[in-house]
Amino acid sequence: MDANLLRRRYQDYEKSLKRSKPRELMLVVRDFLFFVRGLKSSVTSSWLKSNLAEQERIASRIFTVLRLRYLILFLYRRIVDGLVSRLLNLIRLLVTRISFT
């Protein structure tokens, strides 16, 4: 791969990673992972291979954390909604009992 093309591609990823929102960031990281995996298979330099492996490891972690974020938000909403519902029921019960006394 041409060094200038590679440099430009990495600069594009750098810009995208800096300004992306979480949902867009997930797409950028996924694309970056495919790019690094493809690049890693065609590299002969041991230093570059280890650097690409580290990039892949960190990008995979970011991707995993972003996926977990959605699971955590889903669970958070379910827990909070359930607790709010229980609290509202208790408040209604109290108001009803106060009304009868």
Protein backbone atom coordinates (compact mmCIF):
# COMPACT_ATOMS: atom_id res chain seq x y z
CA MET A 1 0.00 0.00 0.00
CA ASP A 2 1.25 3.48 -0.83
CA ALA A 3 2.58 5.37 2.23
CA ASN A 4 0.80 8.61 1.29
CA LEU A 5 -2.50 6.80 0.83
CA LEU A 6 -2.01 5.02 4.15
CA ARG A 7 -1.18 8.31 5.90
CA ARG A 8 -4.27 9.97 4.43
CA ARG A 9 -6.48 7.07 5.49
CA TYR A 10 -5.17 7.23 9.05
CA GLN A 11 -5.70 10.99 9.13
CA ASP A 12 -9.30 10.45 8.04
CA TYR A 13 -9.79 7.91 10.83
CA GLU A 14 -8.21 10.32 13.30
CA LYS A 15 -10.67 13.08 12.36
CA SER A 16 -13.62 10.69 12.43
CA LEU A 17 -12.69 9.28 15.83
CA LYS A 18 -12.33 12.75 17.35
CA ARG A 19 -15.66 14.15 16.24
CA SER A 20 -17.95 11.14 16.17
CA LYS A 21 -21.01 10.68 18.34
CA PRO A 22 -21.33 7.26 20.04
CA ARG A 23 -23.49 5.69 17.33
CA GLU A 24 -21.25 7.03 14.54
CA LEU A 25 -18.17 6.11 16.55
CA MET A 26 -19.28 2.50 16.57
CA LEU A 27 -19.42 2.50 12.76
CA VAL A 28 -16.05 4.24 12.47
CA VAL A 29 -14.41 1.77 14.86
CA ARG A 30 -15.94 -1.20 13.03
CA ASP A 31 -14.62 0.14 9.71
CA PHE A 32 -11.24 0.80 11.31
CA LEU A 33 -11.10 -2.78 12.58
CA PHE A 34 -11.74 -4.18 9.10
CA PHE A 35 -9.09 -1.84 7.70
CA VAL A 36 -6.46 -2.81 10.29
CA ARG A 37 -7.17 -6.53 9.94
CA GLY A 38 -6.78 -6.30 6.18
CA LEU A 39 -3.62 -4.25 6.50
CA LYS A 40 -2.14 -6.57 9.11
CA SER A 41 -2.33 -9.55 6.76
CA SER A 42 -0.20 -7.81 4.14
CA VAL A 43 2.52 -6.37 6.40
CA THR A 44 5.96 -7.91 6.75
CA SER A 45 7.58 -5.56 9.30
CA SER A 46 7.44 -7.01 12.81
CA TRP A 47 7.21 -3.54 14.41
CA LEU A 48 4.32 -2.55 12.16
CA LYS A 49 2.58 -5.88 12.78
CA SER A 50 2.79 -5.44 16.55
CA ASN A 51 1.60 -1.82 16.26
CA LEU A 52 -1.36 -2.92 14.14
CA ALA A 53 -2.14 -5.71 16.61
CA GLU A 54 -2.21 -3.14 19.43
CA GLN A 55 -4.45 -0.85 17.35
CA GLU A 56 -6.77 -3.77 16.68
CA ARG A 57 -6.86 -4.71 20.38
CA ILE A 58 -7.72 -1.17 21.49
CA ALA A 59 -10.29 -0.68 18.72
CA SER A 60 -11.91 -3.99 19.69
CA ARG A 61 -12.15 -2.80 23.29
CA ILE A 62 -13.76 0.46 22.19
CA PHE A 63 -16.24 -1.47 20.05
CA THR A 64 -17.08 -3.81 22.94
CA VAL A 65 -17.56 -0.93 25.38
CA LEU A 66 -19.84 0.85 22.93
CA ARG A 67 -21.93 -2.28 22.49
CA LEU A 68 -22.10 -2.76 26.26
CA ARG A 69 -23.14 0.86 26.62
CA TYR A 70 -26.40 0.13 24.80
CA LEU A 71 -27.03 -2.95 26.95
CA ILE A 72 -26.33 -0.98 30.12
CA LEU A 73 -28.63 1.85 29.00
CA PHE A 74 -31.37 -0.67 28.24
CA LEU A 75 -31.00 -2.30 31.66
CA TYR A 76 -30.76 1.09 33.35
CA ARG A 77 -34.02 2.21 31.75
CA ARG A 78 -35.79 -1.01 32.71
CA ILE A 79 -34.59 -0.79 36.32
CA VAL A 80 -35.43 2.91 36.67
CA ASP A 81 -38.82 2.50 34.98
CA GLY A 82 -39.62 -0.42 37.28
CA LEU A 83 -38.58 1.50 40.38
CA VAL A 84 -40.53 4.59 39.33
CA SER A 85 -43.59 2.44 38.69
CA ARG A 86 -43.31 0.83 42.14
CA LEU A 87 -42.85 4.24 43.78
CA LEU A 88 -45.89 5.63 41.97
CA ASN A 89 -47.98 2.66 43.10
CA LEU A 90 -46.90 3.20 46.70
CA ILE A 91 -47.71 6.91 46.47
CA ARG A 92 -51.15 6.15 45.02
CA LEU A 93 -51.76 3.60 47.77
CA LEU A 94 -50.81 6.15 50.43
CA VAL A 95 -52.99 8.86 48.86
CA THR A 96 -55.92 6.43 48.67
CA ARG A 97 -55.53 5.41 52.33
CA ILE A 98 -55.23 9.04 53.43
CA SER A 99 -58.42 9.86 51.53
CA PHE A 100 -60.37 7.20 53.46
CA THR A 101 -59.31 8.39 56.91
